[in-house]
Protein backbone atom coordinates (compact mmCIF):
# COMPACT_ATOMS: atom_id res chain seq x y z
CA UNK A 1 0.00 0.00 0.00
CA UNK A 2 1.35 3.38 -0.89
CA UNK A 3 1.46 6.04 1.77
CA UNK A 4 -0.01 9.47 1.33
CA UNK A 5 1.63 12.50 2.88
CA UNK A 6 -1.43 13.92 4.57
CA UNK A 7 0.46 17.04 5.63
CA UNK A 8 0.90 18.03 2.00
CA UNK A 9 -2.87 17.95 1.30
CA UNK A 10 -5.16 20.92 1.64
CA UNK A 11 -8.20 20.79 3.90
CA UNK A 12 -10.44 20.32 0.86
CA UNK A 13 -8.21 17.51 -0.45
CA UNK A 14 -8.39 15.82 2.97
CA UNK A 15 -12.21 16.10 3.02
CA UNK A 16 -12.37 14.62 -0.49
CA UNK A 17 -10.02 11.79 0.50
CA UNK A 18 -12.16 10.97 3.55
CA UNK A 19 -15.36 11.07 1.49
CA UNK A 20 -13.85 8.75 -1.11
CA UNK A 21 -12.59 6.36 1.58
CA UNK A 22 -16.02 6.27 3.26
CA UNK A 23 -17.74 5.66 -0.07
CA UNK A 24 -15.32 2.84 -0.87
CA UNK A 25 -15.92 1.24 2.54
CA UNK A 26 -19.71 1.43 2.07
CA UNK A 27 -19.42 -0.10 -1.40
CA UNK A 28 -17.24 -2.95 -0.13
CA UNK A 29 -19.64 -3.59 2.73
CA UNK A 30 -22.60 -3.70 0.34
CA UNK A 31 -20.73 -6.07 -1.97
CA UNK A 32 -19.93 -8.38 0.96
CA UNK A 33 -23.54 -8.34 2.15
CA UNK A 34 -24.74 -9.11 -1.38
CA UNK A 35 -22.25 -11.97 -1.66
CA UNK A 36 -23.25 -13.48 1.68
CA UNK A 37 -26.95 -13.10 0.89
CA UNK A 38 -26.43 -14.96 -2.40
CA UNK A 39 -24.52 -17.74 -0.61
CA UNK A 40 -27.31 -18.07 1.98
CA UNK A 41 -29.97 -18.20 -0.75
CA UNK A 42 -28.04 -20.90 -2.62
CA UNK A 43 -27.52 -22.96 0.53
CA UNK A 44 -31.19 -22.66 1.50
CA UNK A 45 -32.28 -23.65 -2.02
CA UNK A 46 -30.03 -26.70 -1.91
CA UNK A 47 -31.89 -27.76 1.25
CA UNK A 48 -35.31 -26.94 -0.21
CA UNK A 49 -35.77 -24.21 2.39
CA UNK A 50 -36.22 -20.47 2.44
CA UNK A 51 -33.50 -18.28 3.91
CA UNK A 52 -35.87 -17.39 6.76
CA UNK A 53 -36.40 -21.08 7.55
CA UNK A 54 -32.64 -21.70 7.35
CA UNK A 55 -31.98 -19.09 10.03
CA UNK A 56 -35.02 -19.99 12.11
CA UNK A 57 -36.85 -16.76 11.35
CA UNK A 58 -39.85 -18.49 9.84
CA UNK A 59 -41.49 -21.63 11.04
CA UNK A 60 -41.88 -24.40 8.54
CA UNK A 61 -45.29 -24.63 6.94
CA UNK A 62 -46.04 -27.73 9.04
CA UNK A 63 -45.69 -25.77 12.27
CA UNK A 64 -46.91 -22.38 11.11
CA UNK A 65 -50.60 -23.20 11.48
CA UNK A 66 -50.26 -25.19 14.69
CA UNK A 67 -51.47 -23.27 17.73
CA UNK A 68 -49.81 -24.14 21.00
CA UNK A 69 -52.00 -24.98 23.98
CA UNK A 70 -52.24 -22.53 26.86
CA UNK A 71 -50.16 -23.41 29.92
CA UNK A 72 -51.24 -20.47 32.05
CA UNK A 73 -54.55 -18.67 32.46
CA UNK A 74 -55.62 -15.43 34.11
CA UNK A 75 -58.28 -16.41 36.69
CA UNK A 76 -59.66 -12.85 36.63
CA UNK A 77 -60.11 -13.03 32.86
CA UNK A 78 -60.09 -16.60 31.48
CA UNK A 79 -59.82 -15.26 27.92
CA UNK A 80 -56.24 -14.23 28.76
CA UNK A 81 -53.88 -17.16 28.42
CA UNK A 82 -50.19 -17.72 27.81
CA UNK A 83 -48.42 -20.66 26.19
CA UNK A 84 -45.27 -20.19 28.24
CA UNK A 85 -43.32 -18.98 25.22
CA UNK A 86 -42.22 -15.47 24.48
CA UNK A 87 -42.53 -12.49 26.78
CA UNK A 88 -44.77 -12.93 29.80
CA UNK A 89 -48.06 -11.09 29.48
CA UNK A 90 -48.54 -8.07 31.75
CA UNK A 91 -51.24 -9.70 33.85
CA UNK A 92 -48.89 -12.56 34.74
CA UNK A 93 -45.77 -10.43 35.20
CA UNK A 94 -47.71 -8.11 37.53
CA UNK A 95 -49.03 -11.04 39.59
CA UNK A 96 -45.55 -12.56 39.91
CA UNK A 97 -44.18 -9.17 40.98
CA UNK A 98 -46.82 -9.14 43.75
CA UNK A 99 -45.37 -12.43 44.99
CA UNK A 100 -47.88 -14.86 43.56
CA UNK A 101 -46.54 -18.18 42.29
CA UNK A 102 -46.51 -19.23 38.65
CA UNK A 103 -48.15 -22.53 39.57
CA UNK A 104 -51.28 -20.64 40.65
CA UNK A 105 -51.89 -19.75 36.98
CA UNK A 106 -51.15 -23.18 35.50
CA UNK A 107 -53.91 -24.70 33.39
C-alpha atoms as a PDB file:
ATOM      1  CA  UNK A   1       0.000   0.000   0.000  1.00  0.00           C
ATOM      2  CA  UNK A   2       1.346   3.375  -0.889  1.00  0.00           C
ATOM      3  CA  UNK A   3       1.462   6.041   1.774  1.00  0.00           C
ATOM      4  CA  UNK A   4      -0.010   9.468   1.334  1.00  0.00           C
ATOM      5  CA  UNK A   5       1.632  12.495   2.878  1.00  0.00           C
ATOM      6  CA  UNK A   6      -1.433  13.924   4.568  1.00  0.00           C
ATOM      7  CA  UNK A   7       0.464  17.042   5.630  1.00  0.00           C
ATOM      8  CA  UNK A   8       0.897  18.027   2.003  1.00  0.00           C
ATOM      9  CA  UNK A   9      -2.871  17.952   1.296  1.00  0.00           C
ATOM     10  CA  UNK A  10      -5.160  20.920   1.640  1.00  0.00           C
ATOM     11  CA  UNK A  11      -8.202  20.793   3.901  1.00  0.00           C
ATOM     12  CA  UNK A  12     -10.439  20.318   0.859  1.00  0.00           C
ATOM     13  CA  UNK A  13      -8.212  17.511  -0.447  1.00  0.00           C
ATOM     14  CA  UNK A  14      -8.388  15.816   2.965  1.00  0.00           C
ATOM     15  CA  UNK A  15     -12.210  16.104   3.018  1.00  0.00           C
ATOM     16  CA  UNK A  16     -12.368  14.619  -0.485  1.00  0.00           C
ATOM     17  CA  UNK A  17     -10.016  11.791   0.502  1.00  0.00           C
ATOM     18  CA  UNK A  18     -12.160  10.971   3.546  1.00  0.00           C
ATOM     19  CA  UNK A  19     -15.361  11.073   1.491  1.00  0.00           C
ATOM     20  CA  UNK A  20     -13.847   8.751  -1.115  1.00  0.00           C
ATOM     21  CA  UNK A  21     -12.593   6.363   1.575  1.00  0.00           C
ATOM     22  CA  UNK A  22     -16.021   6.268   3.263  1.00  0.00           C
ATOM     23  CA  UNK A  23     -17.740   5.657  -0.068  1.00  0.00           C
ATOM     24  CA  UNK A  24     -15.318   2.835  -0.870  1.00  0.00           C
ATOM     25  CA  UNK A  25     -15.916   1.239   2.540  1.00  0.00           C
ATOM     26  CA  UNK A  26     -19.706   1.427   2.071  1.00  0.00           C
ATOM     27  CA  UNK A  27     -19.418  -0.103  -1.400  1.00  0.00           C
ATOM     28  CA  UNK A  28     -17.241  -2.954  -0.135  1.00  0.00           C
ATOM     29  CA  UNK A  29     -19.636  -3.590   2.726  1.00  0.00           C
ATOM     30  CA  UNK A  30     -22.596  -3.703   0.341  1.00  0.00           C
ATOM     31  CA  UNK A  31     -20.726  -6.074  -1.972  1.00  0.00           C
ATOM     32  CA  UNK A  32     -19.930  -8.385   0.964  1.00  0.00           C
ATOM     33  CA  UNK A  33     -23.540  -8.342   2.154  1.00  0.00           C
ATOM     34  CA  UNK A  34     -24.737  -9.111  -1.384  1.00  0.00           C
ATOM     35  CA  UNK A  35     -22.254 -11.973  -1.661  1.00  0.00           C
ATOM     36  CA  UNK A  36     -23.254 -13.476   1.685  1.00  0.00           C
ATOM     37  CA  UNK A  37     -26.951 -13.101   0.886  1.00  0.00           C
ATOM     38  CA  UNK A  38     -26.429 -14.958  -2.397  1.00  0.00           C
ATOM     39  CA  UNK A  39     -24.521 -17.743  -0.607  1.00  0.00           C
ATOM     40  CA  UNK A  40     -27.308 -18.073   1.978  1.00  0.00           C
ATOM     41  CA  UNK A  41     -29.967 -18.204  -0.748  1.00  0.00           C
ATOM     42  CA  UNK A  42     -28.036 -20.904  -2.625  1.00  0.00           C
ATOM     43  CA  UNK A  43     -27.524 -22.956   0.532  1.00  0.00           C
ATOM     44  CA  UNK A  44     -31.190 -22.658   1.495  1.00  0.00           C
ATOM     45  CA  UNK A  45     -32.284 -23.645  -2.015  1.00  0.00           C
ATOM     46  CA  UNK A  46     -30.027 -26.705  -1.908  1.00  0.00           C
ATOM     47  CA  UNK A  47     -31.886 -27.764   1.249  1.00  0.00           C
ATOM     48  CA  UNK A  48     -35.313 -26.941  -0.210  1.00  0.00           C
ATOM     49  CA  UNK A  49     -35.772 -24.207   2.388  1.00  0.00           C
ATOM     50  CA  UNK A  50     -36.220 -20.473   2.438  1.00  0.00           C
ATOM     51  CA  UNK A  51     -33.498 -18.282   3.914  1.00  0.00           C
ATOM     52  CA  UNK A  52     -35.871 -17.393   6.759  1.00  0.00           C
ATOM     53  CA  UNK A  53     -36.396 -21.078   7.551  1.00  0.00           C
ATOM     54  CA  UNK A  54     -32.643 -21.702   7.354  1.00  0.00           C
ATOM     55  CA  UNK A  55     -31.976 -19.086  10.034  1.00  0.00           C
ATOM     56  CA  UNK A  56     -35.018 -19.990  12.114  1.00  0.00           C
ATOM     57  CA  UNK A  57     -36.853 -16.759  11.353  1.00  0.00           C
ATOM     58  CA  UNK A  58     -39.847 -18.490   9.841  1.00  0.00           C
ATOM     59  CA  UNK A  59     -41.490 -21.626  11.038  1.00  0.00           C
ATOM     60  CA  UNK A  60     -41.876 -24.395   8.540  1.00  0.00           C
ATOM     61  CA  UNK A  61     -45.291 -24.629   6.941  1.00  0.00           C
ATOM     62  CA  UNK A  62     -46.043 -27.733   9.036  1.00  0.00           C
ATOM     63  CA  UNK A  63     -45.694 -25.767  12.267  1.00  0.00           C
ATOM     64  CA  UNK A  64     -46.910 -22.383  11.107  1.00  0.00           C
ATOM     65  CA  UNK A  65     -50.601 -23.201  11.480  1.00  0.00           C
ATOM     66  CA  UNK A  66     -50.262 -25.191  14.693  1.00  0.00           C
ATOM     67  CA  UNK A  67     -51.471 -23.272  17.731  1.00  0.00           C
ATOM     68  CA  UNK A  68     -49.805 -24.137  21.003  1.00  0.00           C
ATOM     69  CA  UNK A  69     -52.002 -24.979  23.981  1.00  0.00           C
ATOM     70  CA  UNK A  70     -52.245 -22.531  26.861  1.00  0.00           C
ATOM     71  CA  UNK A  71     -50.157 -23.412  29.917  1.00  0.00           C
ATOM     72  CA  UNK A  72     -51.245 -20.474  32.046  1.00  0.00           C
ATOM     73  CA  UNK A  73     -54.548 -18.673  32.458  1.00  0.00           C
ATOM     74  CA  UNK A  74     -55.618 -15.429  34.113  1.00  0.00           C
ATOM     75  CA  UNK A  75     -58.279 -16.413  36.687  1.00  0.00           C
ATOM     76  CA  UNK A  76     -59.659 -12.854  36.632  1.00  0.00           C
ATOM     77  CA  UNK A  77     -60.108 -13.026  32.857  1.00  0.00           C
ATOM     78  CA  UNK A  78     -60.087 -16.601  31.481  1.00  0.00           C
ATOM     79  CA  UNK A  79     -59.817 -15.262  27.925  1.00  0.00           C
ATOM     80  CA  UNK A  80     -56.239 -14.228  28.756  1.00  0.00           C
ATOM     81  CA  UNK A  81     -53.878 -17.157  28.417  1.00  0.00           C
ATOM     82  CA  UNK A  82     -50.192 -17.719  27.814  1.00  0.00           C
ATOM     83  CA  UNK A  83     -48.415 -20.660  26.188  1.00  0.00           C
ATOM     84  CA  UNK A  84     -45.268 -20.185  28.240  1.00  0.00           C
ATOM     85  CA  UNK A  85     -43.324 -18.982  25.222  1.00  0.00           C
ATOM     86  CA  UNK A  86     -42.216 -15.469  24.479  1.00  0.00           C
ATOM     87  CA  UNK A  87     -42.527 -12.494  26.779  1.00  0.00           C
ATOM     88  CA  UNK A  88     -44.770 -12.934  29.796  1.00  0.00           C
ATOM     89  CA  UNK A  89     -48.064 -11.093  29.483  1.00  0.00           C
ATOM     90  CA  UNK A  90     -48.542  -8.072  31.749  1.00  0.00           C
ATOM     91  CA  UNK A  91     -51.239  -9.699  33.849  1.00  0.00           C
ATOM     92  CA  UNK A  92     -48.888 -12.561  34.741  1.00  0.00           C
ATOM     93  CA  UNK A  93     -45.774 -10.432  35.202  1.00  0.00           C
ATOM     94  CA  UNK A  94     -47.708  -8.112  37.534  1.00  0.00           C
ATOM     95  CA  UNK A  95     -49.026 -11.036  39.590  1.00  0.00           C
ATOM     96  CA  UNK A  96     -45.552 -12.558  39.913  1.00  0.00           C
ATOM     97  CA  UNK A  97     -44.179  -9.175  40.979  1.00  0.00           C
ATOM     98  CA  UNK A  98     -46.818  -9.136  43.746  1.00  0.00           C
ATOM     99  CA  UNK A  99     -45.367 -12.426  44.991  1.00  0.00           C
ATOM    100  CA  UNK A 100     -47.881 -14.863  43.560  1.00  0.00           C
ATOM    101  CA  UNK A 101     -46.537 -18.183  42.290  1.00  0.00           C
ATOM    102  CA  UNK A 102     -46.506 -19.229  38.653  1.00  0.00           C
ATOM    103  CA  UNK A 103     -48.150 -22.533  39.567  1.00  0.00           C
ATOM    104  CA  UNK A 104     -51.281 -20.636  40.653  1.00  0.00           C
ATOM    105  CA  UNK A 105     -51.893 -19.754  36.982  1.00  0.00           C
ATOM    106  CA  UNK A 106     -51.150 -23.183  35.500  1.00  0.00           C
ATOM    107  CA  UNK A 107     -53.914 -24.700  33.390  1.00  0.00           C
END
